[in-house]
Each structure stands twice: as C-alpha cells, then as structure tokens.
C-alpha cells in the first residue's frame, strides 16, 4: 500500500532519460485515449516495420527506416536518413537531429489536438509533402517545407520541448 510520501515521490517523478517517469506514463495514456486514431495507424506501420532498428526518443518510439522521408504518427516516429553527400558528418548529424525533433513536435501536436490531429495536422502535412504541385510551388516561390502552418508549428513545439536550436529555414 502506498503512503502519502510514495504518492508525492510518484507525482514529483523520478528522472528517467531526461523526463519524469509519471509524465512519460501520462503521455502514453493520453496518446492511447485522446490520440487513439493516429496511434493505431502508427502501431500498424510499426508492426509492418518490426524488423527495422527501433529506439526511444523522449515519449516516442522511433523506427529507423530506409525511406527518404520521415513522419510522426501519434507516439510513433518513422525516421528516414536525411544525409547529404556534400555535407560534413557533423552537419548531417544536426540535420537528422532537427528532423527527429520536428517529428517529435508532431507527437506533441497529437497530445494537444487528440482526435483533431488527423484533419488539422496529418492530412495537410501529408498533402503538402506528397503532391507534386506543392513541391513545384515550394520551388517556384522559394518556400521552405516548414512554411506550412502544421510543419512550422511542429518545429516550434519540438524545439521548445526538446531545447533544440535550429538554423532558419
């Protein structure tokens, strides 16, 4: 049986991988209730990619896959390799970290928006990333991929939560 001191210790948290354990538990519970739709989709993709390398980043399960893009789906992040041959290893490492933080921003958006994540974030983000018209528009107007509100917000919130500093893009 827990006494008041145990409850206080639990609520205050024990530091674990840079975040309090109770907060991690709360994040997972919120993801699987408030954000259940995007987490079921993320879980299905995770199960399909089970043989890939996996890791944990804060409150997210990261799957490293061999695709040129990354995506966040609830508490699941699917991370592509964003390396460029003409950049130094240090620069590529920073780019990959920024992408991971950006995708974690989508994880936080899922926590905030819950069932609204799919229509407000996921669908516009998917269309912005995958439709050739938008690729041409970005090229023609010199727009960053992160110009779209949902991508800009993912950067902002991911950087804030993770203490990340990124170059202007």
Protein backbone atom coordinates (compact mmCIF):
# COMPACT_ATOMS: atom_id res chain seq x y z
CA UNK A 1 0.00 0.00 0.00
CA UNK A 2 1.28 3.46 -0.92
CA UNK A 3 1.57 6.11 1.73
CA UNK A 4 1.46 9.87 1.11
CA UNK A 5 5.24 10.05 0.72
CA UNK A 6 5.17 7.38 -2.02
CA UNK A 7 2.40 9.24 -3.82
CA UNK A 8 4.37 12.52 -3.63
CA UNK A 9 7.50 10.82 -4.97
CA UNK A 10 5.44 9.29 -7.78
CA UNK A 11 3.79 12.60 -8.66
CA UNK A 12 7.02 14.58 -8.49
CA UNK A 13 8.69 11.95 -10.63
CA UNK A 14 12.00 10.22 -10.83
CA UNK A 15 14.25 11.47 -13.61
CA UNK A 16 14.47 8.93 -16.36
CA UNK A 17 16.01 9.64 -19.78
CA UNK A 18 15.59 13.37 -19.34
CA UNK A 19 11.90 13.24 -18.39
CA UNK A 20 9.91 12.27 -15.30
CA UNK A 21 8.51 8.72 -15.37
CA UNK A 22 4.98 9.82 -14.37
CA UNK A 23 4.98 12.33 -17.21
CA UNK A 24 6.01 9.57 -19.64
CA UNK A 25 3.20 7.36 -18.35
CA UNK A 26 0.73 10.24 -18.66
CA UNK A 27 1.91 10.93 -22.24
CA UNK A 28 1.41 7.30 -23.25
CA UNK A 29 -2.04 7.18 -21.61
CA UNK A 30 -3.07 10.39 -23.36
CA UNK A 31 -1.78 9.14 -26.69
CA UNK A 32 -3.77 5.88 -26.40
CA UNK A 33 -7.01 7.59 -25.33
CA UNK A 34 -7.13 11.16 -26.63
CA UNK A 35 -4.98 10.34 -29.70
CA UNK A 36 -6.02 6.74 -30.32
CA UNK A 37 -6.71 7.10 -34.07
CA UNK A 38 -3.21 8.26 -35.05
CA UNK A 39 -1.64 5.79 -32.61
CA UNK A 40 -3.46 2.83 -34.16
CA UNK A 41 -2.17 3.92 -37.58
CA UNK A 42 1.31 4.37 -36.11
CA UNK A 43 1.16 0.96 -34.43
CA UNK A 44 0.17 -0.71 -37.69
CA UNK A 45 3.11 0.88 -39.54
CA UNK A 46 5.36 -0.07 -36.60
CA UNK A 47 4.24 -3.70 -36.83
CA UNK A 48 4.95 -3.76 -40.57
CA UNK A 49 8.46 -2.38 -39.89
CA UNK A 50 9.18 -4.59 -36.88
CA UNK A 51 12.46 -5.87 -38.37
CA UNK A 52 13.87 -2.33 -38.57
CA UNK A 53 16.02 -0.71 -35.92
CA UNK A 54 13.97 0.96 -33.17
CA UNK A 55 14.80 3.40 -30.38
CA UNK A 56 13.08 5.65 -27.87
CA UNK A 57 13.16 9.44 -28.08
CA UNK A 58 11.50 11.03 -25.08
CA UNK A 59 7.88 9.70 -25.19
CA UNK A 60 8.05 8.33 -28.72
CA UNK A 61 9.00 5.04 -30.34
CA UNK A 62 11.34 5.75 -33.25
CA UNK A 63 11.60 3.36 -36.19
CA UNK A 64 14.62 3.93 -38.42
CA UNK A 65 13.66 3.04 -41.96
CA UNK A 66 15.17 3.19 -45.41
CA UNK A 67 12.95 5.89 -46.90
CA UNK A 68 13.93 9.43 -47.91
CA UNK A 69 11.24 10.91 -45.67
CA UNK A 70 10.18 10.86 -42.04
CA UNK A 71 6.78 11.03 -40.42
CA UNK A 72 5.20 11.17 -37.00
CA UNK A 73 2.03 9.29 -36.16
CA UNK A 74 0.99 9.70 -32.55
CA UNK A 75 3.70 8.31 -30.30
CA UNK A 76 5.40 6.63 -33.29
CA UNK A 77 8.09 8.33 -35.36
CA UNK A 78 9.32 6.81 -38.61
CA UNK A 79 12.72 8.32 -39.31
CA UNK A 80 14.37 8.28 -42.74
CA UNK A 81 18.02 9.01 -43.38
CA UNK A 82 18.37 12.67 -44.27
CA UNK A 83 22.06 12.64 -45.09
CA UNK A 84 23.62 14.55 -47.94
CA UNK A 85 26.90 13.50 -49.56
CA UNK A 86 28.14 17.09 -49.92
CA UNK A 87 27.67 17.88 -46.20
CA UNK A 88 30.04 17.01 -43.37
CA UNK A 89 29.16 14.21 -40.95
CA UNK A 90 28.59 16.84 -38.25
CA UNK A 91 26.18 18.79 -40.48
CA UNK A 92 24.30 15.60 -41.44
CA UNK A 93 24.04 14.64 -37.77
CA UNK A 94 22.50 18.06 -36.99
CA UNK A 95 20.05 17.75 -39.91
CA UNK A 96 18.95 14.29 -38.72
CA UNK A 97 18.56 15.53 -35.15
CA UNK A 98 16.47 18.51 -36.33
CA UNK A 99 14.24 16.14 -38.33
CA UNK A 100 13.79 13.91 -35.27
CA UNK A 101 12.88 16.94 -33.13
CA UNK A 102 10.47 18.12 -35.84
CA UNK A 103 8.74 14.71 -35.90
CA UNK A 104 8.61 14.78 -32.09
CA UNK A 105 6.81 18.11 -32.50
CA UNK A 106 4.11 16.18 -34.37
CA UNK A 107 3.97 13.78 -31.40
CA UNK A 108 3.30 16.74 -29.09
CA UNK A 109 0.70 18.08 -31.54
CA UNK A 110 -1.04 14.71 -31.25
CA UNK A 111 -1.14 15.09 -27.46
CA UNK A 112 -2.58 18.60 -27.74
CA UNK A 113 -5.12 18.02 -30.51
CA UNK A 114 -6.14 14.41 -29.91
CA UNK A 115 -8.85 13.45 -32.44
CA UNK A 116 -8.37 16.75 -34.29
CA UNK A 117 -4.76 15.81 -35.15
CA UNK A 118 -5.74 13.91 -38.30
CA UNK A 119 -7.79 16.67 -40.02
CA UNK A 120 -5.76 19.62 -38.67
CA UNK A 121 -2.21 18.25 -38.94
CA UNK A 122 -1.87 14.83 -40.59
CA UNK A 123 -3.91 15.39 -43.77
CA UNK A 124 -2.50 18.87 -44.60
CA UNK A 125 1.02 17.63 -43.81
CA UNK A 126 0.65 14.53 -45.98
CA UNK A 127 -0.74 16.55 -48.89
CA UNK A 128 1.97 19.23 -48.54
CA UNK A 129 4.68 16.54 -48.59
CA UNK A 130 3.36 14.24 -51.30
CA UNK A 131 1.58 16.23 -54.00
CA UNK A 132 3.94 17.31 -56.82
CA UNK A 133 2.06 20.61 -57.24
CA UNK A 134 3.12 21.68 -53.74
CA UNK A 135 6.70 20.62 -54.42
CA UNK A 136 6.74 22.83 -57.53
CA UNK A 137 5.08 25.67 -55.58
CA UNK A 138 7.77 25.48 -52.88
CA UNK A 139 10.49 25.54 -55.55
CA UNK A 140 8.92 28.35 -57.57
CA UNK A 141 8.23 30.60 -54.58
CA UNK A 142 11.35 29.62 -52.61
CA UNK A 143 9.27 28.32 -49.72
CA UNK A 144 10.69 26.03 -47.09
CA UNK A 145 8.90 22.74 -46.46
CA UNK A 146 8.41 24.13 -42.95
CA UNK A 147 6.47 27.14 -44.26
CA UNK A 148 3.10 25.37 -43.88
CA UNK A 149 1.46 26.10 -40.50
CA UNK A 150 1.46 22.49 -39.26
CA UNK A 151 5.15 21.99 -40.14
CA UNK A 152 6.19 25.35 -38.72
CA UNK A 153 4.29 24.56 -35.51
CA UNK A 154 5.92 21.09 -35.29
CA UNK A 155 9.35 22.77 -35.47
CA UNK A 156 8.40 25.40 -32.91
CA UNK A 157 6.89 22.99 -30.40
CA UNK A 158 9.53 20.28 -30.94
CA UNK A 159 12.37 22.79 -30.48
CA UNK A 160 10.73 24.22 -27.36
CA UNK A 161 10.05 20.85 -25.72
CA UNK A 162 13.47 19.40 -26.64
CA UNK A 163 15.52 22.56 -26.09
CA UNK A 164 16.70 22.39 -29.72
CA UNK A 165 18.23 25.30 -31.60
CA UNK A 166 17.89 25.13 -35.38
CA UNK A 167 19.06 27.29 -38.23
CA UNK A 168 16.48 29.41 -40.00
CA UNK A 169 14.93 27.57 -42.92
